[in-house]
Amino acid sequence: GTVPLAMLTLLQITSQDSWALFVRPMLVKYPYLSMFFIPFYGITVMALLNLVTAVIVETSMESARADREAERQHGVKVAERTLMQVEVALRLADLDQSGTTTKGELLQAYAQDRDVRMKIDGVI
């Protein structure tokens, strides 16, 4: 045989493409070739299975990383919106426009101002 034909044979063994049709007659005629074909088959099939498994695991890990990042970004956006709501509520509750909101001002604004009440309730 030729090298290309031998390579084709090994490819057929690896891909399990009717390899028994040509391996059995060779093993009957040359039984010592089983010391080559059996380890070759075992190693190549295991290597292919490991490769496929590695691709699946890597894809899953990348997807999990992307999910965690999306979840983190969503959390940041929610926190920013919440902070803006609190800031608006505190500005509305600053009745004397001093730049600071006291507890009394906040309680009074909550009791009297519907907008302040909605902002605070939206946060809680």
PDB file of N, CA and C in Angstrom:
ATOM      1  N   GLY A   1       0.810  -1.183   0.000  1.00  0.00           N
ATOM      2  CA  GLY A   1       0.000   0.000   0.000  1.00  0.00           C
ATOM      3  C   GLY A   1       0.857   1.252   0.000  1.00  0.00           C
ATOM      4  N   THR A   2       0.192   2.379  -0.168  1.00  0.00           N
ATOM      5  CA  THR A   2       0.860   3.672  -0.192  1.00  0.00           C
ATOM      6  C   THR A   2       0.566   4.416   1.104  1.00  0.00           C
ATOM      7  N   VAL A   3       1.321   5.479   1.313  1.00  0.00           N
ATOM      8  CA  VAL A   3       1.117   6.298   2.519  1.00  0.00           C
ATOM      9  C   VAL A   3      -0.276   6.935   2.510  1.00  0.00           C
ATOM     10  N   PRO A   4      -0.723   7.532   1.396  1.00  0.00           N
ATOM     11  CA  PRO A   4      -2.074   8.098   1.401  1.00  0.00           C
ATOM     12  C   PRO A   4      -3.147   7.048   1.690  1.00  0.00           C
ATOM     13  N   LEU A   5      -2.982   5.853   1.177  1.00  0.00           N
ATOM     14  CA  LEU A   5      -3.951   4.795   1.444  1.00  0.00           C
ATOM     15  C   LEU A   5      -3.923   4.391   2.921  1.00  0.00           C
ATOM     16  N   ALA A   6      -2.737   4.339   3.502  1.00  0.00           N
ATOM     17  CA  ALA A   6      -2.615   4.036   4.934  1.00  0.00           C
ATOM     18  C   ALA A   6      -3.269   5.129   5.769  1.00  0.00           C
ATOM     19  N   MET A   7      -3.076   6.401   5.374  1.00  0.00           N
ATOM     20  CA  MET A   7      -3.691   7.510   6.103  1.00  0.00           C
ATOM     21  C   MET A   7      -5.218   7.437   5.999  1.00  0.00           C
ATOM     22  N   LEU A   8      -5.719   7.078   4.812  1.00  0.00           N
ATOM     23  CA  LEU A   8      -7.155   6.926   4.634  1.00  0.00           C
ATOM     24  C   LEU A   8      -7.697   5.806   5.520  1.00  0.00           C
ATOM     25  N   THR A   9      -6.956   4.734   5.604  1.00  0.00           N
ATOM     26  CA  THR A   9      -7.354   3.616   6.456  1.00  0.00           C
ATOM     27  C   THR A   9      -7.424   4.047   7.920  1.00  0.00           C
ATOM     28  N   LEU A  10      -6.416   4.764   8.371  1.00  0.00           N
ATOM     29  CA  LEU A  10      -6.414   5.243   9.765  1.00  0.00           C
ATOM     30  C   LEU A  10      -7.559   6.227  10.015  1.00  0.00           C
ATOM     31  N   LEU A  11      -7.865   7.054   9.012  1.00  0.00           N
ATOM     32  CA  LEU A  11      -9.005   7.974   9.140  1.00  0.00           C
ATOM     33  C   LEU A  11     -10.306   7.183   9.242  1.00  0.00           C
ATOM     34  N   GLN A  12     -10.430   6.128   8.459  1.00  0.00           N
ATOM     35  CA  GLN A  12     -11.634   5.302   8.530  1.00  0.00           C
ATOM     36  C   GLN A  12     -11.748   4.622   9.898  1.00  0.00           C
ATOM     37  N   ILE A  13     -10.633   4.213  10.449  1.00  0.00           N
ATOM     38  CA  ILE A  13     -10.653   3.601  11.783  1.00  0.00           C
ATOM     39  C   ILE A  13     -11.101   4.629  12.814  1.00  0.00           C
ATOM     40  N   THR A  14     -10.540   5.827  12.725  1.00  0.00           N
ATOM     41  CA  THR A  14     -10.867   6.877  13.685  1.00  0.00           C
ATOM     42  C   THR A  14     -12.340   7.271  13.594  1.00  0.00           C
ATOM     43  N   SER A  15     -12.853   7.370  12.366  1.00  0.00           N
ATOM     44  CA  SER A  15     -14.247   7.789  12.191  1.00  0.00           C
ATOM     45  C   SER A  15     -15.221   6.619  12.223  1.00  0.00           C
ATOM     46  N   GLN A  16     -14.720   5.434  12.442  1.00  0.00           N
ATOM     47  CA  GLN A  16     -15.515   4.208  12.512  1.00  0.00           C
ATOM     48  C   GLN A  16     -16.302   3.979  11.224  1.00  0.00           C
ATOM     49  N   ASP A  17     -15.717   4.331  10.095  1.00  0.00           N
ATOM     50  CA  ASP A  17     -16.353   4.195   8.792  1.00  0.00           C
ATOM     51  C   ASP A  17     -16.061   2.815   8.222  1.00  0.00           C
ATOM     52  N   SER A  18     -16.893   1.857   8.555  1.00  0.00           N
ATOM     53  CA  SER A  18     -16.786   0.464   8.091  1.00  0.00           C
ATOM     54  C   SER A  18     -15.353  -0.058   8.139  1.00  0.00           C
ATOM     55  N   TRP A  19     -14.679   0.243   9.201  1.00  0.00           N
ATOM     56  CA  TRP A  19     -13.270  -0.132   9.323  1.00  0.00           C
ATOM     57  C   TRP A  19     -13.081  -1.626   9.560  1.00  0.00           C
ATOM     58  N   ALA A  20     -14.094  -2.258  10.106  1.00  0.00           N
ATOM     59  CA  ALA A  20     -13.972  -3.693  10.373  1.00  0.00           C
ATOM     60  C   ALA A  20     -13.858  -4.497   9.082  1.00  0.00           C
ATOM     61  N   LEU A  21     -14.389  -3.948   7.978  1.00  0.00           N
ATOM     62  CA  LEU A  21     -14.333  -4.656   6.701  1.00  0.00           C
ATOM     63  C   LEU A  21     -12.905  -4.889   6.215  1.00  0.00           C
ATOM     64  N   PHE A  22     -12.018  -3.959   6.515  1.00  0.00           N
ATOM     65  CA  PHE A  22     -10.636  -4.160   6.059  1.00  0.00           C
ATOM     66  C   PHE A  22      -9.683  -4.533   7.186  1.00  0.00           C
ATOM     67  N   VAL A  23     -10.065  -4.263   8.446  1.00  0.00           N
ATOM     68  CA  VAL A  23      -9.182  -4.613   9.556  1.00  0.00           C
ATOM     69  C   VAL A  23      -9.256  -6.106   9.861  1.00  0.00           C
ATOM     70  N   ARG A  24     -10.450  -6.681   9.848  1.00  0.00           N
ATOM     71  CA  ARG A  24     -10.585  -8.114  10.161  1.00  0.00           C
ATOM     72  C   ARG A  24      -9.743  -8.991   9.245  1.00  0.00           C
ATOM     73  N   PRO A  25      -9.837  -8.805   7.924  1.00  0.00           N
ATOM     74  CA  PRO A  25      -8.996  -9.657   7.066  1.00  0.00           C
ATOM     75  C   PRO A  25      -7.500  -9.480   7.348  1.00  0.00           C
ATOM     76  N   MET A  26      -7.091  -8.246   7.659  1.00  0.00           N
ATOM     77  CA  MET A  26      -5.669  -8.024   7.966  1.00  0.00           C
ATOM     78  C   MET A  26      -5.281  -8.711   9.268  1.00  0.00           C
ATOM     79  N   LEU A  27      -6.179  -8.646  10.268  1.00  0.00           N
ATOM     80  CA  LEU A  27      -5.870  -9.277  11.550  1.00  0.00           C
ATOM     81  C   LEU A  27      -5.858 -10.799  11.439  1.00  0.00           C
ATOM     82  N   VAL A  28      -6.659 -11.340  10.551  1.00  0.00           N
ATOM     83  CA  VAL A  28      -6.629 -12.785  10.332  1.00  0.00           C
ATOM     84  C   VAL A  28      -5.293 -13.181   9.700  1.00  0.00           C
ATOM     85  N   LYS A  29      -4.869 -12.382   8.727  1.00  0.00           N
ATOM     86  CA  LYS A  29      -3.615 -12.691   8.030  1.00  0.00           C
ATOM     87  C   LYS A  29      -2.396 -12.308   8.857  1.00  0.00           C
ATOM     88  N   TYR A  30      -2.482 -11.144   9.543  1.00  0.00           N
ATOM     89  CA  TYR A  30      -1.354 -10.652  10.349  1.00  0.00           C
ATOM     90  C   TYR A  30      -1.856 -10.341  11.771  1.00  0.00           C
ATOM     91  N   PRO A  31      -1.967 -11.322  12.643  1.00  0.00           N
ATOM     92  CA  PRO A  31      -2.528 -11.116  13.988  1.00  0.00           C
ATOM     93  C   PRO A  31      -1.738 -10.116  14.834  1.00  0.00           C
ATOM     94  N   TYR A  32      -0.465  -9.985  14.579  1.00  0.00           N
ATOM     95  CA  TYR A  32       0.358  -9.056  15.373  1.00  0.00           C
ATOM     96  C   TYR A  32      -0.045  -7.598  15.143  1.00  0.00           C
ATOM     97  N   LEU A  33      -0.771  -7.302  14.067  1.00  0.00           N
ATOM     98  CA  LEU A  33      -1.231  -5.930  13.824  1.00  0.00           C
ATOM     99  C   LEU A  33      -2.266  -5.476  14.858  1.00  0.00           C
ATOM    100  N   SER A  34      -2.854  -6.435  15.568  1.00  0.00           N
ATOM    101  CA  SER A  34      -3.808  -6.060  16.624  1.00  0.00           C
ATOM    102  C   SER A  34      -3.119  -5.236  17.706  1.00  0.00           C
ATOM    103  N   MET A  35      -1.786  -5.449  17.862  1.00  0.00           N
ATOM    104  CA  MET A  35      -1.038  -4.633  18.847  1.00  0.00           C
ATOM    105  C   MET A  35      -0.955  -3.180  18.395  1.00  0.00           C
ATOM    106  N   PHE A  36      -1.203  -2.914  17.137  1.00  0.00           N
ATOM    107  CA  PHE A  36      -1.221  -1.535  16.641  1.00  0.00           C
ATOM    108  C   PHE A  36      -2.644  -0.996  16.577  1.00  0.00           C
ATOM    109  N   PHE A  37      -3.561  -1.745  15.956  1.00  0.00           N
ATOM    110  CA  PHE A  37      -4.906  -1.239  15.695  1.00  0.00           C
ATOM    111  C   PHE A  37      -5.720  -1.000  16.961  1.00  0.00           C
ATOM    112  N   ILE A  38      -5.637  -1.907  17.907  1.00  0.00           N
ATOM    113  CA  ILE A  38      -6.450  -1.754  19.125  1.00  0.00           C
ATOM    114  C   ILE A  38      -6.014  -0.525  19.927  1.00  0.00           C
ATOM    115  N   PRO A  39      -4.697  -0.343  20.231  1.00  0.00           N
ATOM    116  CA  PRO A  39      -4.312   0.894  20.928  1.00  0.00           C
ATOM    117  C   PRO A  39      -4.598   2.154  20.104  1.00  0.00           C
ATOM    118  N   PHE A  40      -4.361   2.084  18.795  1.00  0.00           N
ATOM    119  CA  PHE A  40      -4.628   3.249  17.948  1.00  0.00           C
ATOM    120  C   PHE A  40      -6.106   3.637  18.035  1.00  0.00           C
ATOM    121  N   TYR A  41      -6.965   2.651  17.901  1.00  0.00           N
ATOM    122  CA  TYR A  41      -8.402   2.915  17.971  1.00  0.00           C
ATOM    123  C   TYR A  41      -8.776   3.501  19.332  1.00  0.00           C
ATOM    124  N   GLY A  42      -8.305   2.876  20.393  1.00  0.00           N
ATOM    125  CA  GLY A  42      -8.636   3.364  21.735  1.00  0.00           C
ATOM    126  C   GLY A  42      -8.156   4.781  21.981  1.00  0.00           C
ATOM    127  N   ILE A  43      -6.928   5.057  21.584  1.00  0.00           N
ATOM    128  CA  ILE A  43      -6.365   6.390  21.830  1.00  0.00           C
ATOM    129  C   ILE A  43      -7.069   7.447  20.994  1.00  0.00           C
ATOM    130  N   THR A  44      -7.290   7.178  19.704  1.00  0.00           N
ATOM    131  CA  THR A  44      -7.915   8.201  18.857  1.00  0.00           C
ATOM    132  C   THR A  44      -9.360   8.457  19.249  1.00  0.00           C
ATOM    133  N   VAL A  45     -10.097   7.409  19.579  1.00  0.00           N
ATOM    134  CA  VAL A  45     -11.490   7.612  19.987  1.00  0.00           C
ATOM    135  C   VAL A  45     -11.537   8.395  21.300  1.00  0.00           C
ATOM    136  N   MET A  46     -10.680   8.060  22.242  1.00  0.00           N
ATOM    137  CA  MET A  46     -10.644   8.795  23.511  1.00  0.00           C
ATOM    138  C   MET A  46     -10.249  10.255  23.276  1.00  0.00           C
ATOM    139  N   ALA A  47      -9.288  10.469  22.383  1.00  0.00           N
ATOM    140  CA  ALA A  47      -8.863  11.842  22.091  1.00  0.00           C
ATOM    141  C   ALA A  47     -10.014  12.636  21.482  1.00  0.00           C
ATOM    142  N   LEU A  48     -10.744  12.036  20.560  1.00  0.00           N
ATOM    143  CA  LEU A  48     -11.879  12.733  19.954  1.00  0.00           C
ATOM    144  C   LEU A  48     -12.976  12.998  20.976  1.00  0.00           C
ATOM    145  N   LEU A  49     -13.252  12.026  21.830  1.00  0.00           N
ATOM    146  CA  LEU A  49     -14.262  12.241  22.865  1.00  0.00           C
ATOM    147  C   LEU A  49     -13.840  13.354  23.821  1.00  0.00           C
ATOM    148  N   ASN A  50     -12.566  13.357  24.193  1.00  0.00           N
ATOM    149  CA  ASN A  50     -12.076  14.422  25.075  1.00  0.00           C
ATOM    150  C   ASN A  50     -12.162  15.780  24.393  1.00  0.00           C
ATOM    151  N   LEU A  51     -11.864  15.826  23.111  1.00  0.00           N
ATOM    152  CA  LEU A  51     -11.934  17.079  22.372  1.00  0.00           C
ATOM    153  C   LEU A  51     -13.366  17.603  22.316  1.00  0.00           C
ATOM    154  N   VAL A  52     -14.297  16.726  22.008  1.00  0.00           N
ATOM    155  CA  VAL A  52     -15.711  17.128  21.960  1.00  0.00           C
ATOM    156  C   VAL A  52     -16.178  17.581  23.342  1.00  0.00           C
ATOM    157  N   THR A  53     -15.809  16.839  24.363  1.00  0.00           N
ATOM    158  CA  THR A  53     -16.179  17.221  25.730  1.00  0.00           C
ATOM    159  C   THR A  53     -15.580  18.573  26.105  1.00  0.00           C
ATOM    160  N   ALA A  54     -14.336  18.799  25.733  1.00  0.00           N
ATOM    161  CA  ALA A  54     -13.676  20.075  26.044  1.00  0.00           C
ATOM    162  C   ALA A  54     -14.387  21.239  25.361  1.00  0.00           C
ATOM    163  N   VAL A  55     -14.800  21.050  24.127  1.00  0.00           N
ATOM    164  CA  VAL A  55     -15.510  22.114  23.411  1.00  0.00           C
ATOM    165  C   VAL A  55     -16.841  22.409  24.094  1.00  0.00           C
ATOM    166  N   ILE A  56     -17.558  21.370  24.481  1.00  0.00           N
ATOM    167  CA  ILE A  56     -18.849  21.564  25.151  1.00  0.00           C
ATOM    168  C   ILE A  56     -18.662  22.275  26.492  1.00  0.00           C
ATOM    169  N   VAL A  57     -17.674  21.846  27.266  1.00  0.00           N
ATOM    170  CA  VAL A  57     -17.421  22.466  28.574  1.00  0.00           C
ATOM    171  C   VAL A  57     -16.991  23.921  28.396  1.00  0.00           C
ATOM    172  N   GLU A  58     -16.113  24.188  27.446  1.00  0.00           N
ATOM    173  CA  GLU A  58     -15.646  25.564  27.224  1.00  0.00           C
ATOM    174  C   GLU A  58     -16.802  26.468  26.799  1.00  0.00           C
ATOM    175  N   THR A  59     -17.661  25.959  25.932  1.00  0.00           N
ATOM    176  CA  THR A  59     -18.823  26.743  25.506  1.00  0.00           C
ATOM    177  C   THR A  59     -19.740  27.028  26.688  1.00  0.00           C
ATOM    178  N   SER A  60     -19.952  26.037  27.527  1.00  0.00           N
ATOM    179  CA  SER A  60     -20.798  26.223  28.701  1.00  0.00           C
ATOM    180  C   SER A  60     -20.191  27.236  29.670  1.00  0.00           C
ATOM    181  N   MET A  61     -18.883  27.141  29.866  1.00  0.00           N
ATOM    182  CA  MET A  61     -18.208  28.080  30.778  1.00  0.00           C
ATOM    183  C   MET A  61     -18.289  29.512  30.239  1.00  0.00           C
ATOM    184  N   GLU A  62     -18.095  29.681  28.949  1.00  0.00           N
ATOM    185  CA  GLU A  62     -18.175  31.014  28.341  1.00  0.00           C
ATOM    186  C   GLU A  62     -19.587  31.571  28.463  1.00  0.00           C
ATOM    187  N   SER A  63     -20.570  30.718  28.268  1.00  0.00           N
ATOM    188  CA  SER A  63     -21.958  31.148  28.413  1.00  0.00           C
ATOM    189  C   SER A  63     -22.250  31.565  29.858  1.00  0.00           C
ATOM    190  N   ALA A  64     -21.735  30.815  30.809  1.00  0.00           N
ATOM    191  CA  ALA A  64     -21.929  31.159  32.230  1.00  0.00           C
ATOM    192  C   ALA A  64     -21.257  32.487  32.561  1.00  0.00           C
ATOM    193  N   ARG A  65     -20.045  32.700  32.006  1.00  0.00           N
ATOM    194  CA  ARG A  65     -19.368  33.984  32.228  1.00  0.00           C
ATOM    195  C   ARG A  65     -20.183  35.147  31.664  1.00  0.00           C
ATOM    196  N   ALA A  66     -20.713  34.957  30.460  1.00  0.00           N
ATOM    197  CA  ALA A  66     -21.524  36.002  29.839  1.00  0.00           C
ATOM    198  C   ALA A  66     -22.785  36.263  30.653  1.00  0.00           C
ATOM    199  N   ASP A  67     -23.402  35.207  31.172  1.00  0.00           N
ATOM    200  CA  ASP A  67     -24.595  35.369  32.006  1.00  0.00           C
ATOM    201  C   ASP A  67     -24.285  36.141  33.286  1.00  0.00           C
ATOM    202  N   ARG A  68     -23.155  35.800  33.921  1.00  0.00           N
ATOM    203  CA  ARG A  68     -22.771  36.510  35.150  1.00  0.00           C
ATOM    204  C   ARG A  68     -22.515  37.989  34.864  1.00  0.00           C
ATOM    205  N   GLU A  69     -21.871  38.275  33.741  1.00  0.00           N
ATOM    206  CA  GLU A  69     -21.576  39.666  33.393  1.00  0.00           C
ATOM    207  C   GLU A  69     -22.869  40.425  33.104  1.00  0.00           C
ATOM    208  N   ALA A  70     -23.788  39.797  32.387  1.00  0.00           N
ATOM    209  CA  ALA A  70     -25.075  40.446  32.100  1.00  0.00           C
ATOM    210  C   ALA A  70     -25.847  40.697  33.391  1.00  0.00           C
ATOM    211  N   GLU A  71     -25.808  39.728  34.298  1.00  0.00           N
ATOM    212  CA  GLU A  71     -26.486  39.888  35.585  1.00  0.00           C
ATOM    213  C   GLU A  71     -25.848  41.018  36.398  1.00  0.00           C
ATOM    214  N   ARG A  72     -24.517  41.094  36.366  1.00  0.00           N
ATOM    215  CA  ARG A  72     -23.825  42.169  37.083  1.00  0.00           C
ATOM    216  C   ARG A  72     -24.195  43.530  36.505  1.00  0.00           C
ATOM    217  N   GLN A  73     -24.213  43.634  35.175  1.00  0.00           N
ATOM    218  CA  GLN A  73     -24.564  44.902  34.545  1.00  0.00           C
ATOM    219  C   GLN A  73     -26.004  45.291  34.854  1.00  0.00           C
ATOM    220  N   HIS A  74     -26.882  44.311  34.883  1.00  0.00           N
ATOM    221  CA  HIS A  74     -28.272  44.592  35.241  1.00  0.00           C
ATOM    222  C   HIS A  74     -28.349  45.116  36.682  1.00  0.00           C
ATOM    223  N   GLY A  75     -27.599  44.495  37.577  1.00  0.00           N
ATOM    224  CA  GLY A  75     -27.574  44.946  38.973  1.00  0.00           C
ATOM    225  C   GLY A  75     -27.066  46.375  39.102  1.00  0.00           C
ATOM    226  N   VAL A  76     -26.061  46.714  38.310  1.00  0.00           N
ATOM    227  CA  VAL A  76     -25.526  48.084  38.336  1.00  0.00           C
ATOM    228  C   VAL A  76     -26.584  49.069  37.856  1.00  0.00           C
ATOM    229  N   LYS A  77     -27.307  48.710  36.778  1.00  0.00           N
ATOM    230  CA  LYS A  77     -28.345  49.607  36.259  1.00  0.00           C
ATOM    231  C   LYS A  77     -29.468  49.796  37.268  1.00  0.00           C
ATOM    232  N   VAL A  78     -29.861  48.706  37.928  1.00  0.00           N
ATOM    233  CA  VAL A  78     -30.916  48.791  38.945  1.00  0.00           C
ATOM    234  C   VAL A  78     -30.452  49.678  40.100  1.00  0.00           C
ATOM    235  N   ALA A  79     -29.216  49.515  40.520  1.00  0.00           N
ATOM    236  CA  ALA A  79     -28.681  50.327  41.611  1.00  0.00           C
ATOM    237  C   ALA A  79     -28.626  51.802  41.214  1.00  0.00           C
ATOM    238  N   GLU A  80     -28.228  52.084  39.975  1.00  0.00           N
ATOM    239  CA  GLU A  80     -28.179  53.479  39.511  1.00  0.00           C
ATOM    240  C   GLU A  80     -29.568  54.098  39.479  1.00  0.00           C
ATOM    241  N   ARG A  81     -30.558  53.338  38.976  1.00  0.00           N
ATOM    242  CA  ARG A  81     -31.936  53.845  38.944  1.00  0.00           C
ATOM    243  C   ARG A  81     -32.455  54.092  40.364  1.00  0.00           C
ATOM    244  N   THR A  82     -32.159  53.170  41.266  1.00  0.00           N
ATOM    245  CA  THR A  82     -32.598  53.312  42.649  1.00  0.00           C
ATOM    246  C   THR A  82     -31.972  54.547  43.282  1.00  0.00           C
ATOM    247  N   LEU A  83     -30.689  54.726  43.051  1.00  0.00           N
ATOM    248  CA  LEU A  83     -29.988  55.891  43.595  1.00  0.00           C
ATOM    249  C   LEU A  83     -30.577  57.188  43.050  1.00  0.00           C
ATOM    250  N   MET A  84     -30.913  57.193  41.762  1.00  0.00           N
ATOM    251  CA  MET A  84     -31.523  58.398  41.188  1.00  0.00           C
ATOM    252  C   MET A  84     -32.889  58.670  41.806  1.00  0.00           C
ATOM    253  N   GLN A  85     -33.665  57.615  42.047  1.00  0.00           N
ATOM    254  CA  GLN A  85     -34.972  57.794  42.680  1.00  0.00           C
ATOM    255  C   GLN A  85     -34.831  58.360  44.089  1.00  0.00           C
ATOM    256  N   VAL A  86     -33.875  57.841  44.829  1.00  0.00           N
ATOM    257  CA  VAL A  86     -33.647  58.334  46.200  1.00  0.00           C
ATOM    258  C   VAL A  86     -33.203  59.788  46.157  1.00  0.00           C
ATOM    259  N   GLU A  87     -32.315  60.104  45.223  1.00  0.00           N
ATOM    260  CA  GLU A  87     -31.823  61.486  45.117  1.00  0.00           C
ATOM    261  C   GLU A  87     -32.965  62.448  44.780  1.00  0.00           C
ATOM    262  N   VAL A  88     -33.833  62.069  43.851  1.00  0.00           N
ATOM    263  CA  VAL A  88     -34.972  62.924  43.494  1.00  0.00           C
ATOM    264  C   VAL A  88     -35.913  63.067  44.685  1.00  0.00           C
ATOM    265  N   ALA A  89     -36.175  61.960  45.373  1.00  0.00           N
ATOM    266  CA  ALA A  89     -37.061  62.008  46.542  1.00  0.00           C
ATOM    267  C   ALA A  89     -36.486  62.924  47.619  1.00  0.00           C
ATOM    268  N   LEU A  90     -35.178  62.838  47.835  1.00  0.00           N
ATOM    269  CA  LEU A  90     -34.565  63.700  48.859  1.00  0.00           C
ATOM    270  C   LEU A  90     -34.585  65.163  48.445  1.00  0.00           C
ATOM    271  N   ARG A  91     -34.392  65.450  47.174  1.00  0.00           N
ATOM    272  CA  ARG A  91     -34.465  66.846  46.708  1.00  0.00           C
ATOM    273  C   ARG A  91     -35.880  67.389  46.863  1.00  0.00           C
ATOM    274  N   LEU A  92     -36.867  66.554  46.512  1.00  0.00           N
ATOM    275  CA  LEU A  92     -38.250  66.997  46.676  1.00  0.00           C
ATOM    276  C   LEU A  92     -38.605  67.184  48.149  1.00  0.00           C
ATOM    277  N   ALA A  93     -38.022  66.371  49.016  1.00  0.00           N
ATOM    278  CA  ALA A  93     -38.326  66.452  50.448  1.00  0.00           C
ATOM    279  C   ALA A  93     -37.594  67.593  51.134  1.00  0.00           C
ATOM    280  N   ASP A  94     -36.600  68.178  50.479  1.00  0.00           N
ATOM    281  CA  ASP A  94     -35.843  69.303  51.063  1.00  0.00           C
ATOM    282  C   ASP A  94     -36.707  70.559  50.992  1.00  0.00           C
ATOM    283  N   LEU A  95     -37.604  70.678  51.958  1.00  0.00           N
ATOM    284  CA  LEU A  95     -38.611  71.734  51.913  1.00  0.00           C
ATOM    285  C   LEU A  95     -38.028  73.132  52.036  1.00  0.00           C
ATOM    286  N   ASP A  96     -36.972  73.306  52.822  1.00  0.00           N
ATOM    287  CA  ASP A  96     -36.395  74.642  52.995  1.00  0.00           C
ATOM    288  C   ASP A  96     -35.300  74.946  51.982  1.00  0.00           C
ATOM    289  N   GLN A  97     -35.084  74.035  51.023  1.00  0.00           N
ATOM    290  CA  GLN A  97     -34.092  74.202  49.954  1.00  0.00           C
ATOM    291  C   GLN A  97     -32.691  74.495  50.485  1.00  0.00           C
ATOM    292  N   SER A  98     -32.338  73.851  51.594  1.00  0.00           N
ATOM    293  CA  SER A  98     -31.034  74.072  52.211  1.00  0.00           C
ATOM    294  C   SER A  98     -29.946  73.188  51.604  1.00  0.00           C
ATOM    295  N   GLY A  99     -30.329  72.204  50.812  1.00  0.00           N
ATOM    296  CA  GLY A  99     -29.350  71.283  50.235  1.00  0.00           C
ATOM    297  C   GLY A  99     -29.196  70.010  51.054  1.00  0.00           C
ATOM    298  N   THR A 100     -29.840  69.984  52.225  1.00  0.00           N
ATOM    299  CA  THR A 100     -29.854  68.783  53.048  1.00  0.00           C
ATOM    300  C   THR A 100     -31.295  68.488  53.441  1.00  0.00           C
ATOM    301  N   THR A 101     -31.570  67.226  53.644  1.00  0.00           N
ATOM    302  CA  THR A 101     -32.936  66.825  54.006  1.00  0.00           C
ATOM    303  C   THR A 101     -32.886  66.207  55.395  1.00  0.00           C
ATOM    304  N   THR A 102     -33.664  66.771  56.283  1.00  0.00           N
ATOM    305  CA  THR A 102     -33.723  66.228  57.633  1.00  0.00           C
ATOM    306  C   THR A 102     -34.761  65.114  57.685  1.00  0.00           C
ATOM    307  N   LYS A 103     -34.724  64.377  58.771  1.00  0.00           N
ATOM    308  CA  LYS A 103     -35.686  63.296  58.956  1.00  0.00           C
ATOM    309  C   LYS A 103     -37.098  63.864  58.993  1.00  0.00           C
ATOM    310  N   GLY A 104     -37.246  64.985  59.658  1.00  0.00           N
ATOM    311  CA  GLY A 104     -38.561  65.624  59.759  1.00  0.00           C
ATOM    312  C   GLY A 104     -39.068  66.052  58.389  1.00  0.00           C
ATOM    313  N   GLU A 105     -38.196  66.646  57.582  1.00  0.00           N
ATOM    314  CA  GLU A 105     -38.598  67.056  56.232  1.00  0.00           C
ATOM    315  C   GLU A 105     -39.012  65.835  55.394  1.00  0.00           C
ATOM    316  N   LEU A 106     -38.254  64.766  55.534  1.00  0.00           N
ATOM    317  CA  LEU A 106     -38.545  63.561  54.760  1.00  0.00           C
ATOM    318  C   LEU A 106     -39.898  62.977  55.181  1.00  0.00           C
ATOM    319  N   LEU A 107     -40.145  62.922  56.488  1.00  0.00           N
ATOM    320  CA  LEU A 107     -41.416  62.380  56.974  1.00  0.00           C
ATOM    321  C   LEU A 107     -42.590  63.269  56.543  1.00  0.00           C
ATOM    322  N   GLN A 108     -42.388  64.572  56.627  1.00  0.00           N
ATOM    323  CA  GLN A 108     -43.435  65.510  56.227  1.00  0.00           C
ATOM    324  C   GLN A 108     -43.704  65.405  54.724  1.00  0.00           C
ATOM    325  N   ALA A 109     -42.650  65.379  53.928  1.00  0.00           N
ATOM    326  CA  ALA A 109     -42.815  65.266  52.479  1.00  0.00           C
ATOM    327  C   ALA A 109     -43.459  63.936  52.105  1.00  0.00           C
ATOM    328  N   TYR A 110     -43.105  62.863  52.807  1.00  0.00           N
ATOM    329  CA  TYR A 110     -43.695  61.550  52.537  1.00  0.00           C
ATOM    330  C   TYR A 110     -45.198  61.582  52.820  1.00  0.00           C
ATOM    331  N   ALA A 111     -45.576  62.247  53.892  1.00  0.00           N
ATOM    332  CA  ALA A 111     -46.992  62.303  54.275  1.00  0.00           C
ATOM    333  C   ALA A 111     -47.786  63.212  53.338  1.00  0.00           C
ATOM    334  N   GLN A 112     -47.158  64.264  52.800  1.00  0.00           N
ATOM    335  CA  GLN A 112     -47.910  65.273  52.060  1.00  0.00           C
ATOM    336  C   GLN A 112     -47.699  65.222  50.543  1.00  0.00           C
ATOM    337  N   ASP A 113     -46.558  64.778  50.074  1.00  0.00           N
ATOM    338  CA  ASP A 113     -46.224  64.859  48.636  1.00  0.00           C
ATOM    339  C   ASP A 113     -46.319  63.469  47.993  1.00  0.00           C
ATOM    340  N   ARG A 114     -47.251  63.345  47.067  1.00  0.00           N
ATOM    341  CA  ARG A 114     -47.467  62.057  46.393  1.00  0.00           C
ATOM    342  C   ARG A 114     -46.217  61.622  45.611  1.00  0.00           C
ATOM    343  N   ASP A 115     -45.521  62.560  44.962  1.00  0.00           N
ATOM    344  CA  ASP A 115     -44.322  62.216  44.189  1.00  0.00           C
ATOM    345  C   ASP A 115     -43.228  61.630  45.078  1.00  0.00           C
ATOM    346  N   VAL A 116     -43.017  62.241  46.236  1.00  0.00           N
ATOM    347  CA  VAL A 116     -42.008  61.741  47.170  1.00  0.00           C
ATOM    348  C   VAL A 116     -42.391  60.346  47.645  1.00  0.00           C
ATOM    349  N   ARG A 117     -43.686  60.182  47.981  1.00  0.00           N
ATOM    350  CA  ARG A 117     -44.165  58.889  48.454  1.00  0.00           C
ATOM    351  C   ARG A 117     -43.959  57.811  47.365  1.00  0.00           C
ATOM    352  N   MET A 118     -44.271  58.121  46.108  1.00  0.00           N
ATOM    353  CA  MET A 118     -44.086  57.154  45.029  1.00  0.00           C
ATOM    354  C   MET A 118     -42.626  56.801  44.817  1.00  0.00           C
ATOM    355  N   LYS A 119     -41.734  57.800  44.902  1.00  0.00           N
ATOM    356  CA  LYS A 119     -40.290  57.531  44.711  1.00  0.00           C
ATOM    357  C   LYS A 119     -39.767  56.634  45.827  1.00  0.00           C
ATOM    358  N   ILE A 120     -40.126  56.944  47.049  1.00  0.00           N
ATOM    359  CA  ILE A 120     -39.634  56.170  48.190  1.00  0.00           C
ATOM    360  C   ILE A 120     -40.233  54.759  48.177  1.00  0.00           C
ATOM    361  N   ASP A 121     -41.520  54.675  47.893  1.00  0.00           N
ATOM    362  CA  ASP A 121     -42.156  53.355  47.823  1.00  0.00           C
ATOM    363  C   ASP A 121     -41.582  52.518  46.681  1.00  0.00           C
ATOM    364  N   GLY A 122     -41.178  53.178  45.590  1.00  0.00           N
ATOM    365  CA  GLY A 122     -40.568  52.481  44.460  1.00  0.00           C
ATOM    366  C   GLY A 122     -39.213  51.882  44.817  1.00  0.00           C
ATOM    367  N   VAL A 123     -38.516  52.480  45.761  1.00  0.00           N
ATOM    368  CA  VAL A 123     -37.210  51.988  46.205  1.00  0.00           C
ATOM    369  C   VAL A 123     -37.393  50.839  47.179  1.00  0.00           C
ATOM    370  N   ILE A 124     -38.366  50.965  48.047  1.00  0.00           N
ATOM    371  CA  ILE A 124     -38.603  49.955  49.076  1.00  0.00           C
ATOM    372  C   ILE A 124     -39.311  48.827  48.443  1.00  0.00           C
TER     373      ILE A 124
END
